Amino acid sequence: MSAARKPAAVAAGARVAVVAPASNAKIERIEGGIAALRRHGFQVIPFPHATGKSAPYFSGTAEERLADLHEAFADPDIEAIFCTRGGYGSNYLLEDLDLELIAKHPKPLFGYSDLTVVQTWLLDELGLVGFHGPMAAADFYREDGVDEASFSDALNGVKVTAGVPQGLRILKPGRAQGVMHGGCLSMLVSTLGTRFAPQTEGRLLFIEDVGAKPYQIDRMLRQMVLAGKFDGVTGFIFGEMLECASPNTSPDLLDQVILRVLDWFDGPIAIGLRSGHVSRGNVTLPMGIEAEIVAEEEPVLRYLESAVD
């Protein structure tokens, strides 16, 4: 993985782009998200296909979606980029992403879910710090959709911290340090066997997903193990894992699954951190910079450097 390439800090009043690199979103949610970003003090520029629709479920053709993303990076007046939502379709952009252009214009790109594949590729190839955090039509439109402290800290150069108030709890005690990496588990798995597979080895790894039953999480974790993607990982931090339960089973079944699949792992394992697919208060997690997880008594994820210059 390349050395960290940090974007500039983003202050209130900055011009920010809203793009839709994957699925289309409900117009009222897009408008609500844009309104919320404006209340945060940003000048919001919706790009041409942010509100677009293209069969069967995209916001535009792959070429249109890619053009919007490239233009948002290239525009010198745009300081940050917010995706509307995930859904599906980001993998159509991977082969034609202009890495040279993006490297010349590093900016915070906010997204998660389907956007994981874009963010991990830019991180691995360019060292571009990613922002696994709230999206316009998935989180900002909701009254309680954003964890304001981590969002503000990430953009303003303050070292992000998250702990029990953000849902974090201990599965296996310990302490570990490393470069943060990861994202949505099903998207990480979807790239295995391709040149876009994430370089997670030796990292502090964040994993989250939504609506997957415990046996499906089990299968995906095992696939990551067999692919060597957990080799040298220093610590594991799982997300809220929203709706990742099976009816009529023990409420801690997912905890049991994770501990069994990772029974060989000697480092700390935590779970519950609300970033990505969450019930409320989406936490912004910068990816590609040093952090530590302290899973002792009261667990805390503490970044050791800022996400921006």
C-alpha atoms as a PDB file:
ATOM      1  CA  MET A   1       0.000   0.000   0.000  1.00  0.00           C
ATOM      2  CA  SER A   2       1.272   3.467  -0.884  1.00  0.00           C
ATOM      3  CA  ALA A   3       2.220   5.986   1.806  1.00  0.00           C
ATOM      4  CA  ALA A   4      -0.746   7.966   3.080  1.00  0.00           C
ATOM      5  CA  ARG A   5      -1.867  10.727   0.735  1.00  0.00           C
ATOM      6  CA  LYS A   6      -3.888  13.126   2.863  1.00  0.00           C
ATOM      7  CA  PRO A   7      -6.314  15.668   1.409  1.00  0.00           C
ATOM      8  CA  ALA A   8      -6.494  19.209   2.706  1.00  0.00           C
ATOM      9  CA  ALA A   9      -8.705  20.061   5.667  1.00  0.00           C
ATOM     10  CA  VAL A  10     -12.251  21.150   4.794  1.00  0.00           C
ATOM     11  CA  ALA A  11     -13.726  24.138   6.595  1.00  0.00           C
ATOM     12  CA  ALA A  12     -17.283  25.419   6.790  1.00  0.00           C
ATOM     13  CA  GLY A  13     -18.169  27.358   3.668  1.00  0.00           C
ATOM     14  CA  ALA A  14     -16.276  24.974   1.404  1.00  0.00           C
ATOM     15  CA  ARG A  15     -17.736  23.867  -1.918  1.00  0.00           C
ATOM     16  CA  VAL A  16     -18.526  20.138  -1.865  1.00  0.00           C
ATOM     17  CA  ALA A  17     -19.821  17.788  -4.541  1.00  0.00           C
ATOM     18  CA  VAL A  18     -22.646  15.265  -4.311  1.00  0.00           C
ATOM     19  CA  VAL A  19     -22.249  12.353  -6.723  1.00  0.00           C
ATOM     20  CA  ALA A  20     -23.907   8.980  -7.253  1.00  0.00           C
ATOM     21  CA  PRO A  21     -21.323   6.392  -8.395  1.00  0.00           C
ATOM     22  CA  ALA A  22     -23.664   3.438  -7.893  1.00  0.00           C
ATOM     23  CA  SER A  23     -27.445   3.119  -7.434  1.00  0.00           C
ATOM     24  CA  ASN A  24     -30.016   5.854  -7.769  1.00  0.00           C
ATOM     25  CA  ALA A  25     -31.659   7.212  -4.639  1.00  0.00           C
ATOM     26  CA  LYS A  26     -35.049   8.609  -3.740  1.00  0.00           C
ATOM     27  CA  ILE A  27     -35.180  12.267  -4.699  1.00  0.00           C
ATOM     28  CA  GLU A  28     -36.582  13.358  -1.343  1.00  0.00           C
ATOM     29  CA  ARG A  29     -33.644  11.709   0.422  1.00  0.00           C
ATOM     30  CA  ILE A  30     -31.119  13.357  -1.892  1.00  0.00           C
ATOM     31  CA  GLU A  31     -32.753  16.736  -1.348  1.00  0.00           C
ATOM     32  CA  GLY A  32     -32.860  16.159   2.414  1.00  0.00           C
ATOM     33  CA  GLY A  33     -29.180  15.204   2.457  1.00  0.00           C
ATOM     34  CA  ILE A  34     -28.204  18.247   0.420  1.00  0.00           C
ATOM     35  CA  ALA A  35     -30.198  20.480   2.761  1.00  0.00           C
ATOM     36  CA  ALA A  36     -28.415  18.962   5.771  1.00  0.00           C
ATOM     37  CA  LEU A  37     -24.986  19.485   4.191  1.00  0.00           C
ATOM     38  CA  ARG A  38     -25.932  23.115   3.582  1.00  0.00           C
ATOM     39  CA  ARG A  39     -26.925  23.444   7.237  1.00  0.00           C
ATOM     40  CA  HIS A  40     -23.398  22.256   8.036  1.00  0.00           C
ATOM     41  CA  GLY A  41     -22.214  25.352   6.223  1.00  0.00           C
ATOM     42  CA  PHE A  42     -21.140  23.811   2.914  1.00  0.00           C
ATOM     43  CA  GLN A  43     -21.839  25.128  -0.564  1.00  0.00           C
ATOM     44  CA  VAL A  44     -23.274  21.981  -2.139  1.00  0.00           C
ATOM     45  CA  ILE A  45     -22.925  21.242  -5.845  1.00  0.00           C
ATOM     46  CA  PRO A  46     -25.050  18.265  -7.006  1.00  0.00           C
ATOM     47  CA  PHE A  47     -23.357  16.741 -10.038  1.00  0.00           C
ATOM     48  CA  PRO A  48     -25.374  15.907 -13.178  1.00  0.00           C
ATOM     49  CA  HIS A  49     -26.267  12.301 -12.309  1.00  0.00           C
ATOM     50  CA  ALA A  50     -26.639  12.686  -8.542  1.00  0.00           C
ATOM     51  CA  THR A  51     -30.402  12.559  -9.096  1.00  0.00           C
ATOM     52  CA  GLY A  52     -30.257  10.458 -12.259  1.00  0.00           C
ATOM     53  CA  LYS A  53     -31.783   7.103 -13.067  1.00  0.00           C
ATOM     54  CA  SER A  54     -30.592   4.461 -15.496  1.00  0.00           C
ATOM     55  CA  ALA A  55     -31.984   0.958 -15.931  1.00  0.00           C
ATOM     56  CA  PRO A  56     -32.167  -1.239 -14.060  1.00  0.00           C
ATOM     57  CA  TYR A  57     -31.078   0.459 -10.797  1.00  0.00           C
ATOM     58  CA  PHE A  58     -28.160   2.791 -11.483  1.00  0.00           C
ATOM     59  CA  SER A  59     -27.946   6.579 -11.285  1.00  0.00           C
ATOM     60  CA  GLY A  60     -26.498   6.698 -14.792  1.00  0.00           C
ATOM     61  CA  THR A  61     -24.465   4.658 -17.207  1.00  0.00           C
ATOM     62  CA  ALA A  62     -21.029   3.581 -15.995  1.00  0.00           C
ATOM     63  CA  GLU A  63     -19.509   6.258 -18.229  1.00  0.00           C
ATOM     64  CA  GLU A  64     -21.778   8.966 -16.801  1.00  0.00           C
ATOM     65  CA  ARG A  65     -21.154   7.978 -13.210  1.00  0.00           C
ATOM     66  CA  LEU A  66     -17.403   7.821 -13.762  1.00  0.00           C
ATOM     67  CA  ALA A  67     -17.399  11.206 -15.506  1.00  0.00           C
ATOM     68  CA  ASP A  68     -19.137  12.818 -12.525  1.00  0.00           C
ATOM     69  CA  LEU A  69     -16.620  11.326 -10.108  1.00  0.00           C
ATOM     70  CA  HIS A  70     -13.634  12.382 -12.220  1.00  0.00           C
ATOM     71  CA  GLU A  71     -15.014  15.890 -12.639  1.00  0.00           C
ATOM     72  CA  ALA A  72     -15.586  16.219  -8.894  1.00  0.00           C
ATOM     73  CA  PHE A  73     -11.954  15.299  -8.211  1.00  0.00           C
ATOM     74  CA  ALA A  74     -10.609  17.506 -11.005  1.00  0.00           C
ATOM     75  CA  ASP A  75     -12.603  20.649 -10.141  1.00  0.00           C
ATOM     76  CA  PRO A  76     -10.221  22.889  -8.133  1.00  0.00           C
ATOM     77  CA  ASP A  77     -13.146  24.579  -6.374  1.00  0.00           C
ATOM     78  CA  ILE A  78     -14.517  21.309  -4.932  1.00  0.00           C
ATOM     79  CA  GLU A  79     -12.961  20.421  -1.576  1.00  0.00           C
ATOM     80  CA  ALA A  80     -14.832  17.227  -0.624  1.00  0.00           C
ATOM     81  CA  ILE A  81     -17.038  14.637  -2.325  1.00  0.00           C
ATOM     82  CA  PHE A  82     -20.129  13.015  -0.809  1.00  0.00           C
ATOM     83  CA  CYS A  83     -21.816  10.007  -2.378  1.00  0.00           C
ATOM     84  CA  THR A  84     -25.599   9.833  -2.302  1.00  0.00           C
ATOM     85  CA  ARG A  85     -25.778   6.144  -1.382  1.00  0.00           C
ATOM     86  CA  GLY A  86     -24.258   2.762  -2.150  1.00  0.00           C
ATOM     87  CA  GLY A  87     -26.532   0.087  -3.514  1.00  0.00           C
ATOM     88  CA  TYR A  88     -24.716  -1.453  -6.453  1.00  0.00           C
ATOM     89  CA  GLY A  89     -22.604  -0.421  -9.418  1.00  0.00           C
ATOM     90  CA  SER A  90     -19.271   0.939  -8.195  1.00  0.00           C
ATOM     91  CA  ASN A  91     -17.420  -2.085  -9.532  1.00  0.00           C
ATOM     92  CA  TYR A  92     -18.218  -0.919 -13.073  1.00  0.00           C
ATOM     93  CA  LEU A  93     -15.971   2.103 -12.463  1.00  0.00           C
ATOM     94  CA  LEU A  94     -12.857   0.355 -11.185  1.00  0.00           C
ATOM     95  CA  GLU A  95     -11.097  -0.467 -14.456  1.00  0.00           C
ATOM     96  CA  ASP A  96     -11.359   3.084 -15.789  1.00  0.00           C
ATOM     97  CA  LEU A  97     -10.665   5.139 -12.673  1.00  0.00           C
ATOM     98  CA  ASP A  98      -8.101   7.786 -13.608  1.00  0.00           C
ATOM     99  CA  LEU A  99      -5.600   7.240 -10.813  1.00  0.00           C
ATOM    100  CA  GLU A 100      -3.248   9.925 -12.105  1.00  0.00           C
ATOM    101  CA  LEU A 101      -6.001  12.544 -12.058  1.00  0.00           C
ATOM    102  CA  ILE A 102      -7.159  11.581  -8.571  1.00  0.00           C
ATOM    103  CA  ALA A 103      -3.584  11.542  -7.254  1.00  0.00           C
ATOM    104  CA  LYS A 104      -3.150  15.126  -8.429  1.00  0.00           C
ATOM    105  CA  HIS A 105      -6.360  16.251  -6.694  1.00  0.00           C
ATOM    106  CA  PRO A 106      -6.712  14.316  -3.416  1.00  0.00           C
ATOM    107  CA  LYS A 107     -10.007  15.057  -1.677  1.00  0.00           C
ATOM    108  CA  PRO A 108     -12.102  13.430   1.042  1.00  0.00           C
ATOM    109  CA  LEU A 109     -14.479  10.926  -0.554  1.00  0.00           C
ATOM    110  CA  PHE A 110     -17.307  10.000   1.825  1.00  0.00           C
ATOM    111  CA  GLY A 111     -19.006   6.658   1.328  1.00  0.00           C
ATOM    112  CA  TYR A 112     -19.395   3.060   2.458  1.00  0.00           C
ATOM    113  CA  SER A 113     -21.298  -0.064   1.394  1.00  0.00           C
ATOM    114  CA  ASP A 114     -20.857  -0.488  -2.385  1.00  0.00           C
ATOM    115  CA  LEU A 115     -18.324   2.377  -2.394  1.00  0.00           C
ATOM    116  CA  THR A 116     -15.937   0.206  -0.373  1.00  0.00           C
ATOM    117  CA  VAL A 117     -14.419  -1.179  -3.584  1.00  0.00           C
ATOM    118  CA  VAL A 118     -13.589   2.309  -4.873  1.00  0.00           C
ATOM    119  CA  GLN A 119     -12.220   3.529  -1.555  1.00  0.00           C
ATOM    120  CA  THR A 120     -10.014   0.488  -0.924  1.00  0.00           C
ATOM    121  CA  TRP A 121      -8.635   0.605  -4.486  1.00  0.00           C
ATOM    122  CA  LEU A 122      -7.748   4.303  -4.171  1.00  0.00           C
ATOM    123  CA  LEU A 123      -6.206   3.631  -0.766  1.00  0.00           C
ATOM    124  CA  ASP A 124      -4.124   0.687  -1.939  1.00  0.00           C
ATOM    125  CA  GLU A 125      -2.998   2.222  -5.230  1.00  0.00           C
ATOM    126  CA  LEU A 126      -2.569   5.866  -4.229  1.00  0.00           C
ATOM    127  CA  GLY A 127      -2.513   5.882  -0.446  1.00  0.00           C
ATOM    128  CA  LEU A 128      -5.534   8.206  -0.616  1.00  0.00           C
ATOM    129  CA  VAL A 129      -7.051   8.435   2.841  1.00  0.00           C
ATOM    130  CA  GLY A 130     -10.659   7.238   2.649  1.00  0.00           C
ATOM    131  CA  PHE A 131     -13.600   8.445   4.700  1.00  0.00           C
ATOM    132  CA  HIS A 132     -15.846   5.529   5.668  1.00  0.00           C
ATOM    133  CA  GLY A 133     -18.730   7.673   6.777  1.00  0.00           C
ATOM    134  CA  PRO A 134     -22.097   9.286   6.166  1.00  0.00           C
ATOM    135  CA  MET A 135     -23.645   9.681   2.713  1.00  0.00           C
ATOM    136  CA  ALA A 136     -26.159  12.285   1.583  1.00  0.00           C
ATOM    137  CA  ALA A 137     -29.217  10.136   0.832  1.00  0.00           C
ATOM    138  CA  ALA A 138     -28.420   7.414   3.368  1.00  0.00           C
ATOM    139  CA  ASP A 139     -27.472   9.352   6.500  1.00  0.00           C
ATOM    140  CA  PHE A 140     -27.462  13.149   6.192  1.00  0.00           C
ATOM    141  CA  TYR A 141     -31.146  13.210   5.279  1.00  0.00           C
ATOM    142  CA  ARG A 142     -31.960  11.600   8.649  1.00  0.00           C
ATOM    143  CA  GLU A 143     -32.230  13.768  11.735  1.00  0.00           C
ATOM    144  CA  ASP A 144     -29.949  11.459  13.738  1.00  0.00           C
ATOM    145  CA  GLY A 145     -27.986   9.997  10.841  1.00  0.00           C
ATOM    146  CA  VAL A 146     -24.543  11.494  11.486  1.00  0.00           C
ATOM    147  CA  ASP A 147     -22.077  11.277  14.358  1.00  0.00           C
ATOM    148  CA  GLU A 148     -21.192  14.966  14.373  1.00  0.00           C
ATOM    149  CA  ALA A 149     -18.022  14.759  16.458  1.00  0.00           C
ATOM    150  CA  SER A 150     -16.168  12.264  14.264  1.00  0.00           C
ATOM    151  CA  PHE A 151     -17.399  13.957  11.077  1.00  0.00           C
ATOM    152  CA  SER A 152     -16.122  17.353  12.178  1.00  0.00           C
ATOM    153  CA  ASP A 153     -12.871  15.979  13.597  1.00  0.00           C
ATOM    154  CA  ALA A 154     -12.045  14.019  10.448  1.00  0.00           C
ATOM    155  CA  LEU A 155     -12.463  17.049   8.189  1.00  0.00           C
ATOM    156  CA  ASN A 156     -10.765  19.558  10.489  1.00  0.00           C
ATOM    157  CA  GLY A 157      -7.578  17.676  11.318  1.00  0.00           C
ATOM    158  CA  VAL A 158      -8.539  16.518  14.802  1.00  0.00           C
ATOM    159  CA  LYS A 159      -7.642  12.925  15.670  1.00  0.00           C
ATOM    160  CA  VAL A 160     -10.846  10.866  15.664  1.00  0.00           C
ATOM    161  CA  THR A 161     -11.801   8.725  18.664  1.00  0.00           C
ATOM    162  CA  ALA A 162     -14.739   6.365  19.149  1.00  0.00           C
ATOM    163  CA  GLY A 163     -15.761   4.135  21.976  1.00  0.00           C
ATOM    164  CA  VAL A 164     -18.674   2.951  24.082  1.00  0.00           C
ATOM    165  CA  PRO A 165     -20.946   5.910  23.178  1.00  0.00           C
ATOM    166  CA  GLN A 166     -20.502   4.903  19.531  1.00  0.00           C
ATOM    167  CA  GLY A 167     -21.467   1.294  20.291  1.00  0.00           C
ATOM    168  CA  LEU A 168     -18.021  -0.286  20.724  1.00  0.00           C
ATOM    169  CA  ARG A 169     -17.775  -3.355  22.962  1.00  0.00           C
ATOM    170  CA  ILE A 170     -15.186  -6.066  23.535  1.00  0.00           C
ATOM    171  CA  LEU A 171     -15.287  -9.587  22.126  1.00  0.00           C
ATOM    172  CA  LYS A 172     -11.659 -10.418  22.901  1.00  0.00           C
ATOM    173  CA  PRO A 173      -9.468  -8.172  25.048  1.00  0.00           C
ATOM    174  CA  GLY A 174      -6.145  -6.761  23.999  1.00  0.00           C
ATOM    175  CA  ARG A 175      -4.446  -3.794  22.437  1.00  0.00           C
ATOM    176  CA  ALA A 176      -3.259  -3.312  18.852  1.00  0.00           C
ATOM    177  CA  GLN A 177      -1.988  -0.609  16.530  1.00  0.00           C
ATOM    178  CA  GLY A 178      -1.866  -0.350  12.756  1.00  0.00           C
ATOM    179  CA  VAL A 179      -3.025   1.390   9.601  1.00  0.00           C
ATOM    180  CA  MET A 180      -6.826   1.324   9.406  1.00  0.00           C
ATOM    181  CA  HIS A 181      -8.305  -0.556   6.455  1.00  0.00           C
ATOM    182  CA  GLY A 182     -11.506  -2.341   5.531  1.00  0.00           C
ATOM    183  CA  GLY A 183     -15.146  -1.574   4.940  1.00  0.00           C
ATOM    184  CA  CYS A 184     -18.223  -3.557   3.965  1.00  0.00           C
ATOM    185  CA  LEU A 185     -17.441  -7.274   4.236  1.00  0.00           C
ATOM    186  CA  SER A 186     -19.534  -8.452   1.289  1.00  0.00           C
ATOM    187  CA  MET A 187     -17.817  -5.879  -0.939  1.00  0.00           C
ATOM    188  CA  LEU A 188     -14.354  -6.868   0.257  1.00  0.00           C
ATOM    189  CA  VAL A 189     -15.177 -10.487  -0.551  1.00  0.00           C
ATOM    190  CA  SER A 190     -16.567  -9.534  -3.972  1.00  0.00           C
ATOM    191  CA  THR A 191     -13.110  -8.399  -5.121  1.00  0.00           C
ATOM    192  CA  LEU A 192     -11.209 -11.543  -4.123  1.00  0.00           C
ATOM    193  CA  GLY A 193      -9.523 -13.140  -7.111  1.00  0.00           C
ATOM    194  CA  THR A 194      -9.294  -9.797  -8.922  1.00  0.00           C
ATOM    195  CA  ARG A 195      -6.549  -7.167  -9.029  1.00  0.00           C
ATOM    196  CA  PHE A 196      -8.873  -4.929  -7.011  1.00  0.00           C
ATOM    197  CA  ALA A 197      -8.774  -7.168  -3.922  1.00  0.00           C
ATOM    198  CA  PRO A 198      -7.917  -5.095  -0.818  1.00  0.00           C
ATOM    199  CA  GLN A 199      -4.445  -5.156   0.685  1.00  0.00           C
ATOM    200  CA  THR A 200      -5.613  -5.831   4.224  1.00  0.00           C
ATOM    201  CA  GLU A 201      -2.670  -7.927   5.349  1.00  0.00           C
ATOM    202  CA  GLY A 202      -0.952  -6.505   8.408  1.00  0.00           C
ATOM    203  CA  ARG A 203      -3.574  -3.783   8.972  1.00  0.00           C
ATOM    204  CA  LEU A 204      -5.952  -2.824  11.760  1.00  0.00           C
ATOM    205  CA  LEU A 205      -9.109  -4.072  10.103  1.00  0.00           C
ATOM    206  CA  PHE A 206     -12.625  -2.668  10.257  1.00  0.00           C
ATOM    207  CA  ILE A 207     -15.414  -4.937   8.985  1.00  0.00           C
ATOM    208  CA  GLU A 208     -19.138  -4.217   8.772  1.00  0.00           C
ATOM    209  CA  ASP A 209     -22.211  -5.358   6.869  1.00  0.00           C
ATOM    210  CA  VAL A 210     -25.992  -5.313   6.940  1.00  0.00           C
ATOM    211  CA  GLY A 211     -28.740  -7.912   6.653  1.00  0.00           C
ATOM    212  CA  ALA A 212     -26.435 -10.930   6.434  1.00  0.00           C
ATOM    213  CA  LYS A 213     -27.290 -13.950   8.561  1.00  0.00           C
ATOM    214  CA  PRO A 214     -24.594 -15.252  10.917  1.00  0.00           C
ATOM    215  CA  TYR A 215     -23.826 -18.249   8.681  1.00  0.00           C
ATOM    216  CA  GLN A 216     -23.304 -15.856   5.758  1.00  0.00           C
ATOM    217  CA  ILE A 217     -20.926 -13.741   7.831  1.00  0.00           C
ATOM    218  CA  ASP A 218     -19.195 -16.992   8.791  1.00  0.00           C
ATOM    219  CA  ARG A 219     -18.789 -17.949   5.112  1.00  0.00           C
ATOM    220  CA  MET A 220     -17.418 -14.543   4.097  1.00  0.00           C
ATOM    221  CA  LEU A 221     -14.970 -14.418   6.999  1.00  0.00           C
ATOM    222  CA  ARG A 222     -13.763 -17.917   6.123  1.00  0.00           C
ATOM    223  CA  GLN A 223     -13.289 -16.835   2.513  1.00  0.00           C
ATOM    224  CA  MET A 224     -11.141 -13.926   3.676  1.00  0.00           C
ATOM    225  CA  VAL A 225      -9.129 -16.313   5.856  1.00  0.00           C
ATOM    226  CA  LEU A 226      -8.590 -18.748   2.984  1.00  0.00           C
ATOM    227  CA  ALA A 227      -7.582 -15.890   0.685  1.00  0.00           C
ATOM    228  CA  GLY A 228      -4.883 -14.831   3.149  1.00  0.00           C
ATOM    229  CA  LYS A 229      -6.500 -11.451   3.740  1.00  0.00           C
ATOM    230  CA  PHE A 230      -6.282 -11.746   7.520  1.00  0.00           C
ATOM    231  CA  ASP A 231      -2.587 -12.603   7.536  1.00  0.00           C
ATOM    232  CA  GLY A 232      -0.783 -10.337   9.962  1.00  0.00           C
ATOM    233  CA  VAL A 233      -3.887  -8.312  10.855  1.00  0.00           C
ATOM    234  CA  THR A 234      -3.166  -6.588  14.164  1.00  0.00           C
ATOM    235  CA  GLY A 235      -6.722  -6.225  15.420  1.00  0.00           C
ATOM    236  CA  PHE A 236     -10.336  -6.569  14.313  1.00  0.00           C
ATOM    237  CA  ILE A 237     -13.091  -4.003  14.779  1.00  0.00           C
ATOM    238  CA  PHE A 238     -16.549  -5.034  13.629  1.00  0.00           C
ATOM    239  CA  GLY A 239     -19.371  -2.610  12.951  1.00  0.00           C
ATOM    240  CA  GLU A 240     -22.864  -2.563  14.357  1.00  0.00           C
ATOM    241  CA  MET A 241     -23.688  -5.471  12.014  1.00  0.00           C
ATOM    242  CA  LEU A 242     -27.219  -4.178  11.626  1.00  0.00           C
ATOM    243  CA  GLU A 243     -29.843  -6.903  11.113  1.00  0.00           C
ATOM    244  CA  CYS A 244     -27.153  -9.604  11.003  1.00  0.00           C
ATOM    245  CA  ALA A 245     -29.143 -12.036  13.117  1.00  0.00           C
ATOM    246  CA  SER A 246     -31.240 -15.133  12.600  1.00  0.00           C
ATOM    247  CA  PRO A 247     -34.741 -15.433  14.075  1.00  0.00           C
ATOM    248  CA  ASN A 248     -35.252 -17.811  16.964  1.00  0.00           C
ATOM    249  CA  THR A 249     -31.536 -18.070  17.719  1.00  0.00           C
ATOM    250  CA  SER A 250     -29.321 -16.846  20.533  1.00  0.00           C
ATOM    251  CA  PRO A 251     -28.880 -13.055  20.424  1.00  0.00           C
ATOM    252  CA  ASP A 252     -25.120 -13.515  20.708  1.00  0.00           C
ATOM    253  CA  LEU A 253     -24.885 -16.005  17.819  1.00  0.00           C
ATOM    254  CA  LEU A 254     -22.942 -13.580  15.642  1.00  0.00           C
ATOM    255  CA  ASP A 255     -20.466 -12.952  18.473  1.00  0.00           C
ATOM    256  CA  GLN A 256     -19.990 -16.711  18.769  1.00  0.00           C
ATOM    257  CA  VAL A 257     -19.470 -17.056  15.019  1.00  0.00           C
ATOM    258  CA  ILE A 258     -16.814 -14.333  14.905  1.00  0.00           C
ATOM    259  CA  LEU A 259     -14.921 -15.771  17.876  1.00  0.00           C
ATOM    260  CA  ARG A 260     -15.010 -19.269  16.390  1.00  0.00           C
ATOM    261  CA  VAL A 261     -13.862 -18.239  12.913  1.00  0.00           C
ATOM    262  CA  LEU A 262     -11.094 -16.146  14.463  1.00  0.00           C
ATOM    263  CA  ASP A 263     -10.219 -18.593  17.260  1.00  0.00           C
ATOM    264  CA  TRP A 264      -6.622 -18.661  15.996  1.00  0.00           C
ATOM    265  CA  PHE A 265      -6.220 -14.878  16.324  1.00  0.00           C
ATOM    266  CA  ASP A 266      -4.247 -13.611  19.337  1.00  0.00           C
ATOM    267  CA  GLY A 267      -5.071  -9.904  19.122  1.00  0.00           C
ATOM    268  CA  PRO A 268      -8.056  -7.821  20.219  1.00  0.00           C
ATOM    269  CA  ILE A 269     -11.510  -8.135  18.663  1.00  0.00           C
ATOM    270  CA  ALA A 270     -14.182  -5.481  19.200  1.00  0.00           C
ATOM    271  CA  ILE A 271     -17.662  -5.097  17.730  1.00  0.00           C
ATOM    272  CA  GLY A 272     -20.579  -2.687  17.605  1.00  0.00           C
ATOM    273  CA  LEU A 273     -18.925   0.439  16.227  1.00  0.00           C
ATOM    274  CA  ARG A 274     -21.593   2.414  14.379  1.00  0.00           C
ATOM    275  CA  SER A 275     -19.929   3.190  11.042  1.00  0.00           C
ATOM    276  CA  GLY A 276     -21.412   2.306   7.676  1.00  0.00           C
ATOM    277  CA  HIS A 277     -24.747   0.484   7.789  1.00  0.00           C
ATOM    278  CA  VAL A 278     -26.022   1.693  11.137  1.00  0.00           C
ATOM    279  CA  SER A 279     -29.211   2.408  13.037  1.00  0.00           C
ATOM    280  CA  ARG A 280     -28.164   5.984  13.848  1.00  0.00           C
ATOM    281  CA  GLY A 281     -25.195   8.311  14.293  1.00  0.00           C
ATOM    282  CA  ASN A 282     -22.917   7.136  11.472  1.00  0.00           C
ATOM    283  CA  VAL A 283     -19.315   7.462  12.660  1.00  0.00           C
ATOM    284  CA  THR A 284     -16.684   8.764  10.219  1.00  0.00           C
ATOM    285  CA  LEU A 285     -13.719   6.383  10.173  1.00  0.00           C
ATOM    286  CA  PRO A 286     -10.671   7.564   8.215  1.00  0.00           C
ATOM    287  CA  MET A 287      -8.955   4.702   6.393  1.00  0.00           C
ATOM    288  CA  GLY A 288      -5.260   4.589   5.586  1.00  0.00           C
ATOM    289  CA  ILE A 289      -3.788   6.201   8.705  1.00  0.00           C
ATOM    290  CA  GLU A 290      -2.471   4.895  12.014  1.00  0.00           C
ATOM    291  CA  ALA A 291      -4.851   4.055  14.832  1.00  0.00           C
ATOM    292  CA  GLU A 292      -4.990   1.842  17.886  1.00  0.00           C
ATOM    293  CA  ILE A 293      -7.715  -0.263  19.441  1.00  0.00           C
ATOM    294  CA  VAL A 294      -7.646  -0.602  23.206  1.00  0.00           C
ATOM    295  CA  ALA A 295     -10.020  -3.393  24.222  1.00  0.00           C
ATOM    296  CA  GLU A 296      -9.408  -3.216  27.943  1.00  0.00           C
ATOM    297  CA  GLU A 297     -12.162  -2.375  30.442  1.00  0.00           C
ATOM    298  CA  GLU A 298     -13.803   0.451  28.443  1.00  0.00           C
ATOM    299  CA  PRO A 299     -12.897  -0.082  24.766  1.00  0.00           C
ATOM    300  CA  VAL A 300     -11.763   2.790  22.566  1.00  0.00           C
ATOM    301  CA  LEU A 301     -10.576   3.230  18.993  1.00  0.00           C
ATOM    302  CA  ARG A 302      -8.082   6.064  18.962  1.00  0.00           C
ATOM    303  CA  TYR A 303      -6.495   7.535  15.848  1.00  0.00           C
ATOM    304  CA  LEU A 304      -2.833   8.436  16.184  1.00  0.00           C
ATOM    305  CA  GLU A 305      -2.774  10.980  13.378  1.00  0.00           C
ATOM    306  CA  SER A 306      -5.162  13.299  11.600  1.00  0.00           C
ATOM    307  CA  ALA A 307      -6.915  12.354   8.373  1.00  0.00           C
ATOM    308  CA  VAL A 308      -6.208  15.664   6.603  1.00  0.00           C
ATOM    309  CA  ASP A 309      -3.342  18.108   6.220  1.00  0.00           C
END
